[in-house]
Amino acid sequence: MAEGISVPMNFGIRFLDSPTHNTLELKTSQGKIVRASSVILSFNSPVIDHMTTTLHLTCVDMEEFSEEAVRYFVHAVYTAETPLIPGDMFRDINKMSHVFKVTWLVDRCVGLFSQLADANLQPSYTNLRFIFEEAVFALTKLNCRKLKEIVFAKIKSSNMTKEFIAKYMEDLSDRSALQTDLIIELAGSNVQWIIEPFAQYLMNKVVAEEAGIHPNCKHILHICDLSKWQEEHAALFENMFDSLEKLAAGCSEDLIWVLQLHRNLCKRAPTKSLRSDDSPHASTSVRSTTSGGSVIGTSAQLVDKKLHENEIPNLFHTLDCDQTFDELIDWMSTSKQVRNLLMFIEGIWTWMVKNWNHPVIDCSTTLMDRIGNIRRERGWNVVPCNYLNVMRSSNNWVYFVTAVRNRPDICSIAADSDEFWVDVYCKGKHSFDCLFSPYRAFTGILSYPHSSHPGLEPCTRRGRLQASCGFTLKVCNNDGELSFRLNTNPDSNGGLHFHKEFEAKGMHLVIRDDAGKCFPISWFGRPTISNNTFTWKYSPVQKRQQFWFVVLISLS
């Protein structure tokens, strides 16, 4: 860009019709050509500057945009004027401003969108739906989040939030995961605004004799907290599960999912205190029946609470690595699957490994502030510095971890790295494809003087037996599905002194190779067993490579 030139500025629209000045052809839809000055467009757009100055192009393909939209775009960069535009042209203008990186026009488009949102004094569902879909497009294709805030404010100010959500959910099967998430976010704490139309949607599917449970249905019921709502709306709750059971009847996988969902809700359901005249046996079994009379189960039958409490929580999760980086951060910031900041950081690592050729992520203060705020809101401990230092690197990871190390609100400094975490090696080195072989057991031993560790109570062991403090982890095979559990029975821990501070919910497993590099495995899915053969859907390493288990244990 020439010195002394700043944009936007008025370059004079009179030059637009000059064949001498306009050396650049812009090919629009239906083969129409718009001519413009490559110099003026280059002042505004570094992308066009690269095309014309470096690549020496004299023609730019803009065939996905209408001639009218391209002329508006050219007029804007010539005059710095952005008059109000019709709604059907906004998407083209907004996309061009992002694609060609005309930063000042990106900001203007936010203002234009706000004007479009306010244009209708008496908004209808159709008008609100239009601006909502524009916000979805901007989020999905342009990674622009400012439009979403405008849409949410407009819908809420119109007093049509409940009506809009109900109408929008009528076609739930046609919605994307992002659209579904935005509707849930729009409802906020008003869970009933989601569940009431959702239950009606399920009933309509049953009446239409359809089968199967759509992924959006499962997503909604995983995200929404139904534990309090189910008691206040018992009839609707039972009808919803009746519909789910009928839709799942022809698919064993869906039926298992319905049973697991009900089990989890039973675990979270509030328990009523007994009055003095209540029978002490009245609450020993909580039955939930559908309107059809079939019993989904009792809490005693469906929940083996002790086993589930002892499962290591960071293992066997899956991550959608096709989403954008910002979508990843948004999802992990609220997901119940993410139990601590280690899992959050490992999710970023997994995304970066799978998207190894992604352009450099902006690891500025803005991103670090965002992660720090998420940590505080979720009540997580900082991550141990020593662990970050030995995680395997990817292209973007080097920049990211450097920024994290400089943030004491995210990462511990080396001197106090052990204040919140203890890392324990498990005995024995194994190839990756045998790490989770069924019924295998691993022993973790605290092999250093730990009696004075700030997170542990004074050890009762004395002398050389103090080194025999530790725990055992066992691989369990439940009908072909693996789980990894902490053995809390002191009589079957091989004589190890088991510290009561060690709980499965505070344990976090990684694997470490001979070179000392760590590989997070939180987000690589659940391995399955078939004919005693161990299989990962995705493997981060060579399966015959040798590894140790390392357990990071949270002590606060």
Protein backbone atom coordinates (compact mmCIF):
# COMPACT_ATOMS: atom_id res chain seq x y z
CA MET A 1 0.00 0.00 0.00
CA ALA A 2 1.29 3.46 -0.88
CA GLU A 3 2.54 5.65 1.93
CA GLY A 4 0.07 8.22 3.18
CA ILE A 5 -2.94 6.26 1.92
CA SER A 6 -5.43 5.02 4.49
CA VAL A 7 -8.79 3.42 3.86
CA PRO A 8 -11.62 3.97 3.63
CA MET A 9 -11.33 7.14 1.60
CA ASN A 10 -13.15 8.63 -1.38
CA PHE A 11 -11.13 7.84 -4.50
CA GLY A 12 -13.79 9.34 -6.78
CA ILE A 13 -16.49 7.26 -8.39
CA ARG A 14 -15.99 9.24 -11.60
CA PHE A 15 -12.99 7.03 -12.38
CA LEU A 16 -15.15 3.89 -12.44
CA ASP A 17 -16.29 4.39 -16.05
CA SER A 18 -12.83 5.17 -17.35
CA PRO A 19 -11.44 2.33 -19.53
CA THR A 20 -7.95 3.74 -19.03
CA HIS A 21 -7.98 3.47 -15.23
CA ASN A 22 -10.01 0.28 -14.85
CA THR A 23 -7.55 -2.47 -15.73
CA LEU A 24 -9.06 -5.25 -13.58
CA GLU A 25 -11.98 -7.41 -14.68
CA LEU A 26 -14.27 -8.86 -12.01
CA LYS A 27 -16.26 -11.82 -13.34
CA THR A 28 -19.65 -11.99 -11.64
CA SER A 29 -22.46 -14.54 -11.81
CA GLN A 30 -24.04 -15.26 -15.19
CA GLY A 31 -20.84 -14.13 -16.92
CA LYS A 32 -21.25 -10.41 -16.28
CA ILE A 33 -18.07 -8.30 -16.09
CA VAL A 34 -17.48 -5.37 -13.72
CA ARG A 35 -14.35 -3.34 -14.37
CA ALA A 36 -12.43 -1.55 -11.60
CA SER A 37 -9.03 -0.10 -10.83
CA SER A 38 -6.63 -2.68 -9.49
CA VAL A 39 -4.82 0.10 -7.64
CA ILE A 40 -7.87 1.34 -5.74
CA LEU A 41 -9.03 -2.18 -4.91
CA SER A 42 -5.50 -3.09 -3.78
CA PHE A 43 -5.44 -0.15 -1.38
CA ASN A 44 -8.49 -1.66 0.31
CA SER A 45 -7.81 -5.38 -0.03
CA PRO A 46 -4.50 -7.17 0.68
CA VAL A 47 -5.94 -10.21 -1.13
CA ILE A 48 -6.51 -8.30 -4.36
CA ASP A 49 -3.17 -6.57 -3.85
CA HIS A 50 -1.48 -10.00 -3.81
CA MET A 51 -3.45 -11.15 -6.87
CA THR A 52 -2.52 -8.13 -8.96
CA THR A 53 0.90 -7.10 -7.65
CA THR A 54 2.46 -10.53 -7.01
CA LEU A 55 0.49 -12.87 -9.29
CA HIS A 56 -0.07 -10.19 -11.99
CA LEU A 57 -3.69 -11.20 -12.52
CA THR A 58 -5.88 -8.96 -14.65
CA CYS A 59 -9.10 -10.87 -13.96
CA VAL A 60 -10.63 -11.97 -10.64
CA ASP A 61 -13.23 -14.74 -10.41
CA MET A 62 -16.23 -13.49 -8.42
CA GLU A 63 -18.79 -15.73 -10.10
CA GLU A 64 -20.48 -16.73 -6.83
CA PHE A 65 -21.59 -13.11 -6.34
CA SER A 66 -24.28 -11.22 -8.23
CA GLU A 67 -23.40 -8.32 -10.51
CA GLU A 68 -25.39 -5.99 -8.28
CA ALA A 69 -23.46 -7.06 -5.18
CA VAL A 70 -20.06 -6.73 -6.89
CA ARG A 71 -20.96 -3.22 -8.12
CA TYR A 72 -21.95 -2.29 -4.56
CA PHE A 73 -18.61 -3.68 -3.30
CA VAL A 74 -16.64 -1.68 -5.90
CA HIS A 75 -18.68 1.45 -5.24
CA ALA A 76 -17.96 1.09 -1.51
CA VAL A 77 -14.17 0.83 -1.91
CA TYR A 78 -14.18 3.79 -4.31
CA THR A 79 -16.31 6.11 -2.19
CA ALA A 80 -16.20 4.69 1.37
CA GLU A 81 -20.01 4.86 1.27
CA THR A 82 -22.18 1.94 2.39
CA PRO A 83 -25.85 2.80 1.94
CA LEU A 84 -28.51 0.45 3.28
CA ILE A 85 -28.89 -2.66 1.11
CA PRO A 86 -31.72 -5.14 0.58
CA GLY A 87 -31.55 -8.24 2.74
CA ASP A 88 -30.98 -10.66 -0.14
CA MET A 89 -27.77 -8.84 -1.07
CA PHE A 90 -26.26 -8.62 2.42
CA ARG A 91 -24.73 -12.10 2.42
CA ASP A 92 -22.76 -11.42 -0.77
CA ILE A 93 -21.45 -8.08 0.52
CA ASN A 94 -20.54 -9.50 3.91
CA LYS A 95 -18.79 -12.52 2.38
CA MET A 96 -16.81 -10.38 -0.09
CA SER A 97 -15.61 -8.13 2.71
CA HIS A 98 -14.31 -11.19 4.59
CA VAL A 99 -12.93 -13.09 1.60
CA PHE A 100 -10.97 -10.08 0.33
CA LYS A 101 -10.12 -8.93 3.87
CA VAL A 102 -11.47 -5.40 3.53
CA THR A 103 -11.40 -4.89 7.28
CA TRP A 104 -13.21 -1.56 7.41
CA LEU A 105 -16.03 -3.00 5.26
CA VAL A 106 -16.30 -6.00 7.60
CA ASP A 107 -17.07 -3.56 10.41
CA ARG A 108 -19.51 -1.64 8.22
CA CYS A 109 -21.36 -4.87 7.44
CA VAL A 110 -22.04 -5.34 11.14
CA GLY A 111 -23.69 -1.92 11.13
CA LEU A 112 -25.64 -2.76 7.95
CA PHE A 113 -26.84 -5.98 9.54
CA SER A 114 -27.99 -4.13 12.63
CA GLN A 115 -29.97 -1.76 10.38
CA LEU A 116 -31.53 -4.73 8.60
CA ALA A 117 -32.50 -6.25 11.95
CA ASP A 118 -34.13 -3.01 13.08
CA ALA A 119 -35.88 -2.31 9.75
CA ASN A 120 -39.03 -4.18 10.78
CA LEU A 121 -40.81 -2.44 13.63
CA GLN A 122 -43.18 -5.41 14.03
CA PRO A 123 -40.93 -8.43 13.43
CA SER A 124 -42.45 -11.69 12.25
CA TYR A 125 -41.06 -15.21 12.47
CA THR A 126 -40.09 -14.98 8.79
CA ASN A 127 -38.05 -11.81 9.33
CA LEU A 128 -36.40 -13.13 12.48
CA ARG A 129 -35.65 -16.41 10.73
CA PHE A 130 -33.91 -14.51 7.92
CA ILE A 131 -31.51 -12.63 10.20
CA PHE A 132 -30.96 -15.76 12.30
CA GLU A 133 -29.86 -17.74 9.23
CA GLU A 134 -27.55 -14.90 8.18
CA ALA A 135 -25.90 -15.10 11.59
CA VAL A 136 -25.58 -18.89 11.22
CA PHE A 137 -23.95 -18.46 7.81
CA ALA A 138 -21.53 -15.84 9.17
CA LEU A 139 -20.57 -18.16 12.02
CA THR A 140 -20.21 -21.23 9.83
CA LYS A 141 -18.47 -19.82 6.77
CA LEU A 142 -16.84 -16.59 7.93
CA ASN A 143 -16.17 -17.28 11.62
CA CYS A 144 -17.91 -14.00 12.44
CA ARG A 145 -19.73 -13.93 15.79
CA LYS A 146 -20.87 -10.33 16.01
CA LEU A 147 -24.05 -10.94 14.01
CA LYS A 148 -25.20 -13.59 16.49
CA GLU A 149 -25.29 -11.05 19.32
CA ILE A 150 -27.38 -8.67 17.22
CA VAL A 151 -29.84 -11.45 16.34
CA PHE A 152 -30.20 -12.62 19.93
CA ALA A 153 -30.84 -9.07 21.12
CA LYS A 154 -33.43 -8.52 18.37
CA ILE A 155 -35.32 -11.76 19.07
CA LYS A 156 -35.38 -11.14 22.81
CA SER A 157 -36.50 -7.50 22.43
CA SER A 158 -39.37 -8.64 20.19
CA ASN A 159 -40.77 -10.82 23.02
CA MET A 160 -40.97 -13.69 20.52
CA THR A 161 -38.16 -15.89 21.85
CA LYS A 162 -40.38 -18.79 22.94
CA GLU A 163 -42.48 -18.61 19.77
CA PHE A 164 -39.41 -18.41 17.54
CA ILE A 165 -37.73 -21.43 19.18
CA ALA A 166 -40.91 -23.54 18.94
CA LYS A 167 -41.40 -22.71 15.26
CA TYR A 168 -37.73 -23.21 14.41
CA MET A 169 -37.66 -26.65 16.05
CA GLU A 170 -40.52 -27.98 13.92
CA ASP A 171 -37.91 -28.98 11.32
CA LEU A 172 -35.32 -30.17 13.83
CA SER A 173 -34.06 -32.98 11.58
CA ASP A 174 -33.03 -30.43 8.96
CA ARG A 175 -31.02 -28.29 11.37
CA SER A 176 -27.25 -28.40 11.66
CA ALA A 177 -25.46 -28.96 14.95
CA LEU A 178 -24.56 -25.25 15.07
CA GLN A 179 -28.18 -24.19 14.49
CA THR A 180 -29.28 -26.50 17.28
CA ASP A 181 -26.62 -25.13 19.63
CA LEU A 182 -27.65 -21.54 18.90
CA ILE A 183 -31.29 -22.31 19.67
CA ILE A 184 -30.27 -23.87 22.99
CA GLU A 185 -28.09 -20.83 23.74
CA LEU A 186 -30.98 -18.51 22.84
CA ALA A 187 -33.26 -20.28 25.32
CA GLY A 188 -30.71 -19.86 28.12
CA SER A 189 -32.05 -21.10 31.45
CA ASN A 190 -35.57 -21.53 30.04
CA VAL A 191 -35.17 -25.26 29.38
CA GLN A 192 -38.92 -25.66 28.92
CA TRP A 193 -38.78 -23.51 25.77
CA ILE A 194 -36.63 -26.25 24.23
CA ILE A 195 -38.19 -29.36 25.72
CA GLU A 196 -41.86 -28.57 25.09
CA PRO A 197 -41.54 -28.21 21.29
CA PHE A 198 -38.97 -31.01 21.33
CA ALA A 199 -41.47 -33.40 22.96
CA GLN A 200 -44.06 -32.38 20.38
CA TYR A 201 -41.53 -33.02 17.59
CA LEU A 202 -40.96 -36.54 18.92
CA MET A 203 -44.70 -37.23 19.14
CA ASN A 204 -45.13 -36.09 15.52
CA LYS A 205 -42.43 -38.54 14.45
CA VAL A 206 -44.18 -41.36 16.29
CA VAL A 207 -47.54 -40.48 14.68
CA ALA A 208 -45.84 -40.48 11.27
CA GLU A 209 -44.52 -43.98 12.14
CA GLU A 210 -40.93 -42.93 11.63
CA ALA A 211 -38.09 -44.83 13.27
CA GLY A 212 -34.71 -43.90 14.73
CA ILE A 213 -33.52 -40.99 16.85
CA HIS A 214 -31.94 -38.10 14.97
CA PRO A 215 -28.49 -36.94 16.20
CA ASN A 216 -29.93 -33.49 16.95
CA CYS A 217 -32.35 -35.09 19.42
CA LYS A 218 -29.51 -36.79 21.24
CA HIS A 219 -27.49 -33.58 21.23
CA ILE A 220 -30.33 -31.56 22.79
CA LEU A 221 -30.93 -34.07 25.57
CA HIS A 222 -27.21 -34.24 26.36
CA ILE A 223 -26.82 -30.45 26.51
CA CYS A 224 -30.01 -29.43 28.35
CA ASP A 225 -30.10 -29.98 32.09
CA LEU A 226 -33.32 -31.92 32.67
CA SER A 227 -32.69 -32.90 36.28
CA LYS A 228 -34.88 -30.14 37.78
CA TRP A 229 -37.27 -29.84 34.88
CA GLN A 230 -38.27 -33.51 34.96
CA GLU A 231 -39.80 -33.24 38.44
CA GLU A 232 -41.88 -30.15 37.63
CA HIS A 233 -43.17 -31.55 34.32
CA ALA A 234 -43.50 -35.25 35.11
CA ALA A 235 -46.29 -35.98 32.60
CA LEU A 236 -44.50 -34.33 29.69
CA PHE A 237 -41.27 -36.03 30.76
CA GLU A 238 -42.91 -39.46 30.67
CA ASN A 239 -44.52 -38.75 27.29
CA MET A 240 -41.14 -37.69 25.91
CA PHE A 241 -39.49 -40.93 27.01
CA ASP A 242 -42.44 -42.90 25.70
CA SER A 243 -41.83 -41.35 22.28
CA LEU A 244 -38.09 -41.94 22.50
CA GLU A 245 -38.64 -45.59 23.37
CA LYS A 246 -40.98 -46.09 20.39
CA LEU A 247 -38.62 -44.36 17.98
CA ALA A 248 -35.70 -46.45 19.27
CA ALA A 249 -37.57 -49.76 19.20
CA GLY A 250 -36.07 -50.91 15.90
CA CYS A 251 -32.47 -49.99 16.70
CA SER A 252 -30.59 -51.57 19.59
CA GLU A 253 -28.01 -48.75 19.57
CA ASP A 254 -30.71 -46.08 19.97
CA LEU A 255 -32.47 -48.11 22.65
CA ILE A 256 -29.26 -48.43 24.65
CA TRP A 257 -28.79 -44.69 24.32
CA VAL A 258 -32.30 -44.06 25.72
CA LEU A 259 -31.57 -46.35 28.69
CA GLN A 260 -28.25 -44.61 29.39
CA LEU A 261 -29.91 -41.20 29.20
CA HIS A 262 -32.57 -42.24 31.67
CA ARG A 263 -29.95 -43.72 34.00
CA ASN A 264 -27.99 -40.46 34.00
CA LEU A 265 -31.13 -38.45 34.71
CA CYS A 266 -31.95 -40.74 37.62
CA LYS A 267 -28.49 -40.06 39.03
CA ARG A 268 -28.95 -36.28 38.81
CA ALA A 269 -32.60 -36.17 39.87
CA PRO A 270 -33.15 -34.26 43.15
CA THR A 271 -34.14 -36.50 46.05
CA LYS A 272 -36.94 -35.41 48.34
CA SER A 273 -36.41 -35.48 52.07
CA LEU A 274 -38.75 -37.79 53.97
CA ARG A 275 -41.34 -36.34 56.28
CA SER A 276 -41.72 -37.92 59.71
CA ASP A 277 -44.89 -39.73 58.61
CA ASP A 278 -43.37 -41.05 55.37
CA SER A 279 -42.42 -44.67 55.06
CA PRO A 280 -38.63 -45.09 55.02
CA HIS A 281 -39.12 -47.59 52.19
CA ALA A 282 -41.01 -45.18 49.96
CA SER A 283 -37.92 -43.74 48.30
CA THR A 284 -35.70 -46.79 48.07
CA SER A 285 -36.68 -47.33 44.43
CA VAL A 286 -37.61 -44.63 41.97
CA ARG A 287 -39.56 -46.06 39.03
CA SER A 288 -40.11 -44.26 35.77
CA THR A 289 -42.76 -45.64 33.44
CA THR A 290 -43.92 -44.53 30.05
CA SER A 291 -47.53 -43.96 29.18
CA GLY A 292 -47.45 -47.29 27.37
CA GLY A 293 -46.75 -49.00 30.64
CA SER A 294 -43.24 -50.28 29.89
CA VAL A 295 -40.73 -49.71 32.63
CA ILE A 296 -37.52 -48.08 31.47
CA GLY A 297 -35.95 -49.06 34.74
CA THR A 298 -35.34 -48.24 38.35
CA SER A 299 -32.41 -46.30 39.64
CA ALA A 300 -31.14 -49.41 41.41
CA GLN A 301 -31.28 -51.45 38.20
CA LEU A 302 -29.77 -48.89 35.87
CA VAL A 303 -27.05 -47.31 37.94
CA ASP A 304 -24.05 -49.02 39.40
CA LYS A 305 -22.91 -45.79 41.02
CA LYS A 306 -19.70 -47.05 42.49
CA LEU A 307 -18.37 -48.42 39.21
CA HIS A 308 -19.09 -45.22 37.34
CA GLU A 309 -17.56 -43.05 40.04
CA ASN A 310 -14.34 -45.05 39.72
CA GLU A 311 -14.01 -44.66 35.93
CA ILE A 312 -11.15 -42.41 34.81
CA PRO A 313 -13.06 -39.43 33.39
CA ASN A 314 -10.72 -38.09 30.70
CA LEU A 315 -10.61 -41.21 28.55
CA PHE A 316 -12.54 -42.32 25.47
CA HIS A 317 -14.08 -39.04 24.33
CA THR A 318 -14.50 -37.93 20.73
CA LEU A 319 -13.94 -34.49 19.24
CA ASP A 320 -15.37 -32.95 16.08
CA CYS A 321 -12.17 -31.72 14.44
CA ASP A 322 -14.06 -30.49 11.37
CA GLN A 323 -15.35 -27.50 13.32
CA THR A 324 -13.46 -24.23 13.27
CA PHE A 325 -11.04 -23.33 16.04
CA ASP A 326 -13.46 -20.77 17.52
CA GLU A 327 -16.29 -23.31 17.40
CA LEU A 328 -14.03 -25.75 19.23
CA ILE A 329 -13.34 -23.22 22.01
CA ASP A 330 -17.04 -22.38 22.29
CA TRP A 331 -18.06 -26.03 22.54
CA MET A 332 -15.40 -27.00 25.09
CA SER A 333 -16.13 -23.94 27.24
CA THR A 334 -19.55 -25.38 28.19
CA SER A 335 -19.30 -29.11 27.42
CA LYS A 336 -19.81 -31.44 30.36
CA GLN A 337 -17.33 -33.85 28.78
CA VAL A 338 -14.53 -31.40 29.52
CA ARG A 339 -13.77 -32.00 33.22
CA ASN A 340 -10.68 -29.84 33.73
CA LEU A 341 -8.32 -27.43 32.00
CA LEU A 342 -6.05 -30.33 31.01
CA MET A 343 -8.82 -31.83 28.89
CA PHE A 344 -9.53 -28.38 27.46
CA ILE A 345 -5.88 -27.90 26.47
CA GLU A 346 -5.68 -31.46 25.13
CA GLY A 347 -8.74 -30.81 22.99
CA ILE A 348 -6.87 -27.90 21.41
CA TRP A 349 -3.80 -30.15 20.94
CA THR A 350 -5.92 -32.87 19.29
CA TRP A 351 -7.56 -30.35 16.95
CA MET A 352 -4.16 -28.93 15.98
CA VAL A 353 -2.70 -32.40 15.33
CA LYS A 354 -5.59 -33.39 13.08
CA ASN A 355 -5.59 -29.96 11.37
CA TRP A 356 -1.79 -29.87 11.05
CA ASN A 357 -1.89 -27.80 7.84
CA HIS A 358 -4.23 -25.12 9.24
CA PRO A 359 -2.99 -21.51 8.98
CA VAL A 360 -1.33 -20.10 12.08
CA ILE A 361 -3.80 -19.56 14.94
CA ASP A 362 -3.83 -16.11 16.48
CA CYS A 363 -2.57 -16.82 20.01
CA SER A 364 -2.88 -13.24 21.13
CA THR A 365 -3.86 -11.86 24.52
CA THR A 366 -7.52 -12.01 23.44
CA LEU A 367 -7.44 -15.81 23.14
CA MET A 368 -5.48 -16.23 26.38
CA ASP A 369 -7.90 -13.94 28.24
CA ARG A 370 -10.77 -16.01 26.93
CA ILE A 371 -9.23 -19.28 28.13
CA GLY A 372 -8.40 -17.72 31.50
CA ASN A 373 -12.01 -16.59 31.92
CA ILE A 374 -13.29 -20.06 31.00
CA ARG A 375 -10.98 -21.61 33.62
CA ARG A 376 -12.28 -19.28 36.33
CA GLU A 377 -15.92 -19.77 35.37
CA ARG A 378 -15.57 -23.57 35.39
CA GLY A 379 -13.56 -23.57 38.65
CA TRP A 380 -10.61 -25.48 37.17
CA ASN A 381 -7.02 -25.69 38.40
CA VAL A 382 -4.25 -24.34 36.22
CA VAL A 383 -2.39 -26.88 34.07
CA PRO A 384 1.02 -28.12 35.23
CA CYS A 385 3.88 -26.45 33.40
CA ASN A 386 5.97 -29.64 33.37
CA TYR A 387 3.31 -31.46 31.38
CA LEU A 388 3.05 -28.78 28.68
CA ASN A 389 6.83 -28.85 28.28
CA VAL A 390 6.81 -32.50 27.20
CA MET A 391 3.72 -32.63 24.97
CA ARG A 392 4.47 -33.51 21.37
CA SER A 393 4.50 -30.43 19.12
CA SER A 394 2.49 -29.63 16.01
CA ASN A 395 2.70 -26.60 13.72
CA ASN A 396 0.35 -24.38 15.69
CA TRP A 397 1.08 -25.94 19.08
CA VAL A 398 4.47 -24.23 19.44
CA TYR A 399 2.88 -20.78 19.24
CA PHE A 400 -0.03 -21.74 21.44
CA VAL A 401 1.93 -23.37 24.26
CA THR A 402 4.41 -20.47 24.33
CA ALA A 403 1.52 -18.07 24.94
CA VAL A 404 0.03 -20.37 27.61
CA ARG A 405 3.31 -20.65 29.54
CA ASN A 406 3.34 -16.87 29.94
CA ARG A 407 -0.06 -16.86 31.65
CA PRO A 408 0.05 -17.76 35.37
CA ASP A 409 -3.77 -17.78 35.39
CA ILE A 410 -3.68 -20.73 32.96
CA CYS A 411 -0.38 -22.51 33.57
CA SER A 412 1.64 -23.04 36.73
CA ILE A 413 5.22 -21.84 36.78
CA ALA A 414 7.91 -24.50 37.13
CA ALA A 415 8.55 -23.76 40.82
CA ASP A 416 4.98 -24.57 41.89
CA SER A 417 4.09 -27.08 39.17
CA ASP A 418 3.37 -29.78 41.74
CA GLU A 419 1.16 -27.66 43.97
CA PHE A 420 -2.07 -28.91 42.37
CA TRP A 421 -0.95 -32.03 40.52
CA VAL A 422 1.05 -35.19 41.24
CA ASP A 423 2.30 -37.22 38.28
CA VAL A 424 2.70 -40.97 38.81
CA TYR A 425 4.28 -43.47 36.41
CA CYS A 426 2.56 -46.83 36.11
CA LYS A 427 4.87 -49.84 36.23
CA GLY A 428 5.66 -51.56 32.94
CA LYS A 429 6.07 -50.39 29.37
CA HIS A 430 3.62 -51.62 26.73
CA SER A 431 2.96 -51.23 23.03
CA PHE A 432 0.17 -48.83 22.20
CA ASP A 433 -2.12 -51.51 20.79
CA CYS A 434 -1.91 -53.43 24.09
CA LEU A 435 -2.37 -50.57 26.54
CA PHE A 436 -6.07 -51.26 27.00
CA SER A 437 -6.13 -55.01 26.59
CA PRO A 438 -9.09 -56.42 28.55
CA TYR A 439 -8.54 -57.25 32.21
CA ARG A 440 -5.03 -55.77 32.24
CA ALA A 441 -4.05 -54.05 35.49
CA PHE A 442 -1.56 -51.22 36.00
CA THR A 443 0.12 -50.25 39.26
CA GLY A 444 1.01 -46.67 40.05
CA ILE A 445 3.51 -46.13 42.87
CA LEU A 446 4.50 -42.90 44.58
CA SER A 447 8.21 -43.52 44.37
CA TYR A 448 9.36 -40.22 45.89
CA PRO A 449 9.14 -38.83 49.43
CA HIS A 450 5.63 -37.51 49.40
CA SER A 451 4.73 -37.18 53.05
CA SER A 452 5.24 -33.41 52.94
CA HIS A 453 3.47 -32.78 49.64
CA PRO A 454 1.04 -29.85 50.13
CA GLY A 455 -1.80 -31.79 48.51
CA LEU A 456 -1.43 -34.97 50.58
CA GLU A 457 -2.11 -35.68 54.21
CA PRO A 458 0.93 -36.94 56.16
CA CYS A 459 1.67 -40.53 55.15
CA THR A 460 1.26 -43.17 57.86
CA ARG A 461 3.85 -45.46 56.30
CA ARG A 462 7.36 -45.41 57.70
CA GLY A 463 10.80 -46.35 56.43
CA ARG A 464 11.23 -48.09 53.12
CA LEU A 465 7.56 -49.11 53.04
CA GLN A 466 6.72 -45.49 52.34
CA ALA A 467 7.59 -46.21 48.69
CA SER A 468 4.70 -48.69 48.56
CA CYS A 469 2.03 -46.03 48.48
CA GLY A 470 0.02 -46.11 45.26
CA PHE A 471 -2.98 -47.52 43.47
CA THR A 472 -4.02 -49.94 40.74
CA LEU A 473 -5.98 -49.24 37.55
CA LYS A 474 -7.87 -51.97 35.75
CA VAL A 475 -9.17 -52.35 32.21
CA CYS A 476 -12.73 -53.65 32.24
CA ASN A 477 -14.59 -55.15 29.29
CA ASN A 478 -18.35 -54.60 29.39
CA ASP A 479 -19.87 -56.48 26.46
CA GLY A 480 -17.11 -55.34 24.13
CA GLU A 481 -16.92 -51.77 25.45
CA LEU A 482 -13.84 -50.90 27.46
CA SER A 483 -13.61 -48.77 30.57
CA PHE A 484 -10.65 -47.90 32.76
CA ARG A 485 -11.24 -47.88 36.51
CA LEU A 486 -9.48 -47.08 39.73
CA ASN A 487 -9.47 -49.94 42.21
CA THR A 488 -10.42 -48.45 45.57
CA ASN A 489 -10.64 -51.74 47.47
CA PRO A 490 -7.67 -51.74 49.90
CA ASP A 491 -7.82 -55.53 50.17
CA SER A 492 -7.17 -56.04 46.45
CA ASN A 493 -4.54 -53.38 45.85
CA GLY A 494 -1.58 -55.70 46.20
CA GLY A 495 -0.60 -54.41 49.63
CA LEU A 496 -0.25 -50.81 48.41
CA HIS A 497 -1.06 -48.02 50.81
CA PHE A 498 -3.97 -46.27 49.11
CA HIS A 499 -4.24 -42.53 49.85
CA LYS A 500 -7.84 -41.44 50.24
CA GLU A 501 -7.02 -38.21 48.36
CA PHE A 502 -6.72 -40.30 45.21
CA GLU A 503 -10.10 -40.32 43.47
CA ALA A 504 -10.86 -41.37 39.91
CA LYS A 505 -12.55 -38.04 39.19
CA GLY A 506 -9.24 -36.28 39.91
CA MET A 507 -7.12 -38.60 37.73
CA HIS A 508 -6.01 -37.78 34.22
CA LEU A 509 -4.22 -40.32 32.01
CA VAL A 510 -1.65 -39.66 29.30
CA ILE A 511 0.98 -41.88 27.67
CA ARG A 512 4.70 -41.13 27.51
CA ASP A 513 7.35 -42.57 25.18
CA ASP A 514 11.06 -43.34 25.68
CA ALA A 515 12.00 -39.83 24.60
CA GLY A 516 9.90 -38.36 27.41
CA LYS A 517 7.24 -36.95 25.07
CA CYS A 518 3.63 -37.11 26.21
CA PHE A 519 0.65 -37.96 24.01
CA PRO A 520 -2.82 -36.90 25.20
CA ILE A 521 -5.40 -39.62 24.54
CA SER A 522 -8.52 -37.96 26.00
CA TRP A 523 -10.09 -37.26 22.59
CA PHE A 524 -9.14 -40.30 20.53
CA GLY A 525 -12.41 -42.17 21.05
CA ARG A 526 -13.19 -45.45 22.77
CA PRO A 527 -11.28 -48.56 21.69
CA THR A 528 -13.37 -51.62 21.02
CA ILE A 529 -12.76 -55.33 21.43
CA SER A 530 -13.60 -57.94 18.81
CA ASN A 531 -12.29 -61.51 19.13
CA ASN A 532 -9.87 -60.29 21.81
CA THR A 533 -8.43 -57.77 19.32
CA PHE A 534 -7.90 -54.21 20.47
CA THR A 535 -8.87 -51.47 17.97
CA TRP A 536 -8.71 -47.66 18.00
CA LYS A 537 -10.67 -45.76 15.37
CA TYR A 538 -7.86 -43.23 15.26
CA SER A 539 -4.31 -43.77 16.44
CA PRO A 540 -2.00 -40.84 17.24
CA VAL A 541 1.11 -43.03 17.15
CA GLN A 542 2.50 -46.24 15.71
CA LYS A 543 0.68 -49.11 17.39
CA ARG A 544 3.83 -51.07 18.14
CA GLN A 545 5.57 -48.11 19.78
CA GLN A 546 6.26 -48.63 23.50
CA PHE A 547 4.67 -46.40 26.15
CA TRP A 548 4.17 -45.92 29.86
CA PHE A 549 0.96 -44.77 31.43
CA VAL A 550 1.38 -41.54 33.39
CA VAL A 551 -1.37 -40.48 35.78
CA LEU A 552 -1.73 -36.79 36.61
CA ILE A 553 -3.67 -36.50 39.86
CA SER A 554 -5.48 -33.36 40.95
CA LEU A 555 -5.06 -32.75 44.68
CA SER A 556 -7.49 -29.90 45.24
